[in-house]
């Protein structure tokens, strides 16, 4: 169980880092088509992936 807590703390630290980097880039208002704009999009996607709830709506048992 301590391993899970450690993983959660690492994930939280990574998420906080991503949010800080995203906020800094967003404050600079990068122009579309620039590396900074692409980096902001990537950070946004990573944050979305880490914070999206896990759903099992499309999960089904494998056919036997």
PDB file of N, CA and C in Angstrom:
ATOM      1  N   UNK A   1       0.816  -1.184   0.000  1.00  0.00           N
ATOM      2  CA  UNK A   1       0.000   0.000   0.000  1.00  0.00           C
ATOM      3  C   UNK A   1       0.862   1.251   0.000  1.00  0.00           C
ATOM      4  N   UNK A   2       2.017   1.211   0.625  1.00  0.00           N
ATOM      5  CA  UNK A   2       2.895   2.374   0.629  1.00  0.00           C
ATOM      6  C   UNK A   2       3.405   2.672  -0.782  1.00  0.00           C
ATOM      7  N   UNK A   3       3.532   1.636  -1.624  1.00  0.00           N
ATOM      8  CA  UNK A   3       3.946   1.853  -3.004  1.00  0.00           C
ATOM      9  C   UNK A   3       2.901   2.664  -3.746  1.00  0.00           C
ATOM     10  N   UNK A   4       1.638   2.356  -3.519  1.00  0.00           N
ATOM     11  CA  UNK A   4       0.561   3.103  -4.164  1.00  0.00           C
ATOM     12  C   UNK A   4       0.584   4.555  -3.702  1.00  0.00           C
ATOM     13  N   UNK A   5       0.799   4.787  -2.427  1.00  0.00           N
ATOM     14  CA  UNK A   5       0.862   6.152  -1.902  1.00  0.00           C
ATOM     15  C   UNK A   5       2.028   6.899  -2.537  1.00  0.00           C
ATOM     16  N   UNK A   6       3.157   6.242  -2.665  1.00  0.00           N
ATOM     17  CA  UNK A   6       4.312   6.849  -3.312  1.00  0.00           C
ATOM     18  C   UNK A   6       4.034   7.192  -4.762  1.00  0.00           C
ATOM     19  N   UNK A   7       3.356   6.291  -5.477  1.00  0.00           N
ATOM     20  CA  UNK A   7       2.990   6.547  -6.871  1.00  0.00           C
ATOM     21  C   UNK A   7       2.030   7.713  -6.984  1.00  0.00           C
ATOM     22  N   UNK A   8       1.069   7.792  -6.078  1.00  0.00           N
ATOM     23  CA  UNK A   8       0.117   8.901  -6.075  1.00  0.00           C
ATOM     24  C   UNK A   8       0.826  10.221  -5.819  1.00  0.00           C
ATOM     25  N   UNK A   9       1.789  10.220  -4.903  1.00  0.00           N
ATOM     26  CA  UNK A   9       2.527  11.444  -4.612  1.00  0.00           C
ATOM     27  C   UNK A   9       3.355  11.880  -5.814  1.00  0.00           C
ATOM     28  N   UNK A  10       3.974  10.929  -6.499  1.00  0.00           N
ATOM     29  CA  UNK A  10       4.739  11.241  -7.704  1.00  0.00           C
ATOM     30  C   UNK A  10       3.822  11.791  -8.791  1.00  0.00           C
ATOM     31  N   UNK A  11       2.652  11.170  -8.941  1.00  0.00           N
ATOM     32  CA  UNK A  11       1.685  11.621  -9.938  1.00  0.00           C
ATOM     33  C   UNK A  11       1.207  13.031  -9.603  1.00  0.00           C
ATOM     34  N   UNK A  12       0.935  13.299  -8.328  1.00  0.00           N
ATOM     35  CA  UNK A  12       0.501  14.629  -7.907  1.00  0.00           C
ATOM     36  C   UNK A  12       1.586  15.665  -8.151  1.00  0.00           C
ATOM     37  N   UNK A  13       2.834  15.319  -7.873  1.00  0.00           N
ATOM     38  CA  UNK A  13       3.943  16.243  -8.096  1.00  0.00           C
ATOM     39  C   UNK A  13       4.095  16.517  -9.591  1.00  0.00           C
ATOM     40  N   UNK A  14       3.975  15.482 -10.404  1.00  0.00           N
ATOM     41  CA  UNK A  14       4.071  15.647 -11.858  1.00  0.00           C
ATOM     42  C   UNK A  14       2.936  16.523 -12.368  1.00  0.00           C
ATOM     43  N   UNK A  15       1.724  16.297 -11.863  1.00  0.00           N
ATOM     44  CA  UNK A  15       0.569  17.091 -12.260  1.00  0.00           C
ATOM     45  C   UNK A  15       0.763  18.556 -11.858  1.00  0.00           C
ATOM     46  N   UNK A  16       1.255  18.799 -10.667  1.00  0.00           N
ATOM     47  CA  UNK A  16       1.522  20.169 -10.221  1.00  0.00           C
ATOM     48  C   UNK A  16       2.563  20.843 -11.112  1.00  0.00           C
ATOM     49  N   UNK A  17       3.581  20.102 -11.507  1.00  0.00           N
ATOM     50  CA  UNK A  17       4.607  20.637 -12.399  1.00  0.00           C
ATOM     51  C   UNK A  17       4.012  20.991 -13.759  1.00  0.00           C
ATOM     52  N   UNK A  18       3.185  20.090 -14.289  1.00  0.00           N
ATOM     53  CA  UNK A  18       2.538  20.359 -15.571  1.00  0.00           C
ATOM     54  C   UNK A  18       1.649  21.592 -15.497  1.00  0.00           C
ATOM     55  N   UNK A  19       0.893  21.717 -14.411  1.00  0.00           N
ATOM     56  CA  UNK A  19       0.012  22.875 -14.254  1.00  0.00           C
ATOM     57  C   UNK A  19       0.808  24.171 -14.190  1.00  0.00           C
ATOM     58  N   UNK A  20       1.919  24.156 -13.482  1.00  0.00           N
ATOM     59  CA  UNK A  20       2.758  25.352 -13.373  1.00  0.00           C
ATOM     60  C   UNK A  20       3.353  25.719 -14.732  1.00  0.00           C
ATOM     61  N   UNK A  21       3.845  24.721 -15.456  1.00  0.00           N
ATOM     62  CA  UNK A  21       4.404  24.981 -16.783  1.00  0.00           C
ATOM     63  C   UNK A  21       3.328  25.501 -17.737  1.00  0.00           C
ATOM     64  N   UNK A  22       2.158  24.909 -17.669  1.00  0.00           N
ATOM     65  CA  UNK A  22       1.050  25.345 -18.514  1.00  0.00           C
ATOM     66  C   UNK A  22       0.616  26.760 -18.203  1.00  0.00           C
ATOM     67  N   UNK A  23       0.550  27.086 -16.928  1.00  0.00           N
ATOM     68  CA  UNK A  23       0.159  28.437 -16.534  1.00  0.00           C
ATOM     69  C   UNK A  23       1.174  29.465 -17.021  1.00  0.00           C
ATOM     70  N   UNK A  24       2.450  29.117 -16.919  1.00  0.00           N
ATOM     71  CA  UNK A  24       3.501  30.023 -17.371  1.00  0.00           C
ATOM     72  C   UNK A  24       3.405  30.245 -18.890  1.00  0.00           C
ATOM     73  N   UNK A  25       3.226  29.162 -19.639  1.00  0.00           N
ATOM     74  CA  UNK A  25       3.090  29.298 -21.088  1.00  0.00           C
ATOM     75  C   UNK A  25       1.824  30.055 -21.465  1.00  0.00           C
ATOM     76  N   UNK A  26       0.746  29.796 -20.768  1.00  0.00           N
ATOM     77  CA  UNK A  26      -0.517  30.462 -21.060  1.00  0.00           C
ATOM     78  C   UNK A  26      -0.416  31.967 -20.829  1.00  0.00           C
ATOM     79  N   UNK A  27       0.320  32.360 -19.804  1.00  0.00           N
ATOM     80  CA  UNK A  27       0.504  33.783 -19.509  1.00  0.00           C
ATOM     81  C   UNK A  27       1.270  34.480 -20.639  1.00  0.00           C
ATOM     82  N   UNK A  28       2.100  33.737 -21.355  1.00  0.00           N
ATOM     83  CA  UNK A  28       2.874  34.304 -22.457  1.00  0.00           C
ATOM     84  C   UNK A  28       2.060  34.390 -23.748  1.00  0.00           C
ATOM     85  N   UNK A  29       0.884  33.783 -23.785  1.00  0.00           N
ATOM     86  CA  UNK A  29       0.009  33.753 -24.954  1.00  0.00           C
ATOM     87  C   UNK A  29       0.772  33.401 -26.240  1.00  0.00           C
ATOM     88  N   UNK A  30       1.253  32.177 -26.340  1.00  0.00           N
ATOM     89  CA  UNK A  30       2.028  31.796 -27.521  1.00  0.00           C
ATOM     90  C   UNK A  30       1.177  31.808 -28.790  1.00  0.00           C
ATOM     91  N   UNK A  31       1.763  32.283 -29.868  1.00  0.00           N
ATOM     92  CA  UNK A  31       1.060  32.328 -31.151  1.00  0.00           C
ATOM     93  C   UNK A  31       0.880  30.910 -31.687  1.00  0.00           C
ATOM     94  N   UNK A  32      -0.241  30.714 -32.379  1.00  0.00           N
ATOM     95  CA  UNK A  32      -0.510  29.402 -32.960  1.00  0.00           C
ATOM     96  C   UNK A  32       0.567  29.066 -33.989  1.00  0.00           C
ATOM     97  N   UNK A  33       1.004  27.829 -33.982  1.00  0.00           N
ATOM     98  CA  UNK A  33       2.024  27.380 -34.911  1.00  0.00           C
ATOM     99  C   UNK A  33       3.439  27.449 -34.354  1.00  0.00           C
ATOM    100  N   UNK A  34       3.584  27.976 -33.136  1.00  0.00           N
ATOM    101  CA  UNK A  34       4.911  28.049 -32.522  1.00  0.00           C
ATOM    102  C   UNK A  34       5.153  26.820 -31.655  1.00  0.00           C
ATOM    103  N   UNK A  35       6.406  26.594 -31.332  1.00  0.00           N
ATOM    104  CA  UNK A  35       6.761  25.476 -30.466  1.00  0.00           C
ATOM    105  C   UNK A  35       6.102  25.631 -29.098  1.00  0.00           C
ATOM    106  N   UNK A  36       6.052  26.861 -28.602  1.00  0.00           N
ATOM    107  CA  UNK A  36       5.440  27.093 -27.287  1.00  0.00           C
ATOM    108  C   UNK A  36       3.958  26.749 -27.304  1.00  0.00           C
ATOM    109  N   UNK A  37       3.273  27.049 -28.410  1.00  0.00           N
ATOM    110  CA  UNK A  37       1.851  26.719 -28.523  1.00  0.00           C
ATOM    111  C   UNK A  37       1.657  25.206 -28.553  1.00  0.00           C
ATOM    112  N   UNK A  38       2.533  24.519 -29.282  1.00  0.00           N
ATOM    113  CA  UNK A  38       2.469  23.050 -29.333  1.00  0.00           C
ATOM    114  C   UNK A  38       2.737  22.457 -27.954  1.00  0.00           C
ATOM    115  N   UNK A  39       3.708  23.013 -27.241  1.00  0.00           N
ATOM    116  CA  UNK A  39       4.032  22.537 -25.899  1.00  0.00           C
ATOM    117  C   UNK A  39       2.831  22.737 -24.967  1.00  0.00           C
ATOM    118  N   UNK A  40       2.150  23.876 -25.098  1.00  0.00           N
ATOM    119  CA  UNK A  40       0.965  24.142 -24.281  1.00  0.00           C
ATOM    120  C   UNK A  40      -0.132  23.118 -24.575  1.00  0.00           C
ATOM    121  N   UNK A  41      -0.311  22.785 -25.832  1.00  0.00           N
ATOM    122  CA  UNK A  41      -1.309  21.769 -26.205  1.00  0.00           C
ATOM    123  C   UNK A  41      -0.954  20.404 -25.634  1.00  0.00           C
ATOM    124  N   UNK A  42       0.330  20.068 -25.673  1.00  0.00           N
ATOM    125  CA  UNK A  42       0.782  18.790 -25.123  1.00  0.00           C
ATOM    126  C   UNK A  42       0.564  18.747 -23.608  1.00  0.00           C
ATOM    127  N   UNK A  43       0.897  19.823 -22.932  1.00  0.00           N
ATOM    128  CA  UNK A  43       0.693  19.887 -21.479  1.00  0.00           C
ATOM    129  C   UNK A  43      -0.787  19.747 -21.158  1.00  0.00           C
ATOM    130  N   UNK A  44      -1.627  20.417 -21.922  1.00  0.00           N
ATOM    131  CA  UNK A  44      -3.076  20.334 -21.711  1.00  0.00           C
ATOM    132  C   UNK A  44      -3.567  18.898 -21.877  1.00  0.00           C
ATOM    133  N   UNK A  45      -3.063  18.213 -22.892  1.00  0.00           N
ATOM    134  CA  UNK A  45      -3.468  16.823 -23.121  1.00  0.00           C
ATOM    135  C   UNK A  45      -3.003  15.905 -21.990  1.00  0.00           C
ATOM    136  N   UNK A  46      -1.786  16.131 -21.498  1.00  0.00           N
ATOM    137  CA  UNK A  46      -1.280  15.319 -20.391  1.00  0.00           C
ATOM    138  C   UNK A  46      -2.111  15.539 -19.126  1.00  0.00           C
ATOM    139  N   UNK A  47      -2.457  16.797 -18.855  1.00  0.00           N
ATOM    140  CA  UNK A  47      -3.281  17.101 -17.678  1.00  0.00           C
ATOM    141  C   UNK A  47      -4.641  16.430 -17.822  1.00  0.00           C
ATOM    142  N   UNK A  48      -5.220  16.511 -19.009  1.00  0.00           N
ATOM    143  CA  UNK A  48      -6.517  15.874 -19.262  1.00  0.00           C
ATOM    144  C   UNK A  48      -6.433  14.368 -19.024  1.00  0.00           C
ATOM    145  N   UNK A  49      -5.359  13.758 -19.501  1.00  0.00           N
ATOM    146  CA  UNK A  49      -5.186  12.313 -19.342  1.00  0.00           C
ATOM    147  C   UNK A  49      -5.051  11.930 -17.874  1.00  0.00           C
ATOM    148  N   UNK A  50      -4.324  12.730 -17.100  1.00  0.00           N
ATOM    149  CA  UNK A  50      -4.102  12.406 -15.693  1.00  0.00           C
ATOM    150  C   UNK A  50      -5.318  12.674 -14.815  1.00  0.00           C
ATOM    151  N   UNK A  51      -6.176  13.585 -15.218  1.00  0.00           N
ATOM    152  CA  UNK A  51      -7.297  13.967 -14.360  1.00  0.00           C
ATOM    153  C   UNK A  51      -8.643  13.419 -14.813  1.00  0.00           C
ATOM    154  N   UNK A  52      -8.674  12.799 -15.994  1.00  0.00           N
ATOM    155  CA  UNK A  52      -9.928  12.255 -16.498  1.00  0.00           C
ATOM    156  C   UNK A  52     -10.348  11.056 -15.656  1.00  0.00           C
ATOM    157  N   UNK A  53     -11.598  11.012 -15.246  1.00  0.00           N
ATOM    158  CA  UNK A  53     -12.036   9.844 -14.464  1.00  0.00           C
ATOM    159  C   UNK A  53     -12.021   8.580 -15.318  1.00  0.00           C
ATOM    160  N   UNK A  54     -11.712   7.493 -14.674  1.00  0.00           N
ATOM    161  CA  UNK A  54     -11.711   6.201 -15.355  1.00  0.00           C
ATOM    162  C   UNK A  54     -13.142   5.695 -15.399  1.00  0.00           C
ATOM    163  N   UNK A  55     -13.614   5.419 -16.590  1.00  0.00           N
ATOM    164  CA  UNK A  55     -14.983   4.916 -16.733  1.00  0.00           C
ATOM    165  C   UNK A  55     -14.936   3.537 -17.362  1.00  0.00           C
ATOM    166  N   UNK A  56     -15.918   2.748 -17.048  1.00  0.00           N
ATOM    167  CA  UNK A  56     -15.980   1.380 -17.575  1.00  0.00           C
ATOM    168  C   UNK A  56     -17.204   1.208 -18.452  1.00  0.00           C
ATOM    169  N   UNK A  57     -17.722   2.279 -19.007  1.00  0.00           N
ATOM    170  CA  UNK A  57     -18.924   2.200 -19.813  1.00  0.00           C
ATOM    171  C   UNK A  57     -18.777   1.334 -21.046  1.00  0.00           C
ATOM    172  N   UNK A  58     -17.615   1.339 -21.662  1.00  0.00           N
ATOM    173  CA  UNK A  58     -17.448   0.559 -22.888  1.00  0.00           C
ATOM    174  C   UNK A  58     -16.761  -0.784 -22.617  1.00  0.00           C
ATOM    175  N   UNK A  59     -16.524  -1.083 -21.367  1.00  0.00           N
ATOM    176  CA  UNK A  59     -15.851  -2.325 -21.017  1.00  0.00           C
ATOM    177  C   UNK A  59     -16.839  -3.469 -21.046  1.00  0.00           C
ATOM    178  N   UNK A  60     -16.437  -4.597 -21.643  1.00  0.00           N
ATOM    179  CA  UNK A  60     -17.274  -5.787 -21.606  1.00  0.00           C
ATOM    180  C   UNK A  60     -16.390  -7.015 -21.465  1.00  0.00           C
ATOM    181  N   UNK A  61     -16.987  -8.094 -21.021  1.00  0.00           N
ATOM    182  CA  UNK A  61     -16.259  -9.353 -20.886  1.00  0.00           C
ATOM    183  C   UNK A  61     -15.873  -9.857 -22.261  1.00  0.00           C
ATOM    184  N   UNK A  62     -14.707 -10.460 -22.373  1.00  0.00           N
ATOM    185  CA  UNK A  62     -14.312 -11.014 -23.678  1.00  0.00           C
ATOM    186  C   UNK A  62     -15.227 -12.171 -24.071  1.00  0.00           C
ATOM    187  N   UNK A  63     -15.443 -12.287 -25.369  1.00  0.00           N
ATOM    188  CA  UNK A  63     -16.256 -13.400 -25.871  1.00  0.00           C
ATOM    189  C   UNK A  63     -15.501 -14.706 -25.657  1.00  0.00           C
ATOM    190  N   UNK A  64     -16.217 -15.710 -25.254  1.00  0.00           N
ATOM    191  CA  UNK A  64     -15.574 -17.008 -25.003  1.00  0.00           C
ATOM    192  C   UNK A  64     -15.654 -17.882 -26.211  1.00  0.00           C
TER     193      UNK A  64
END
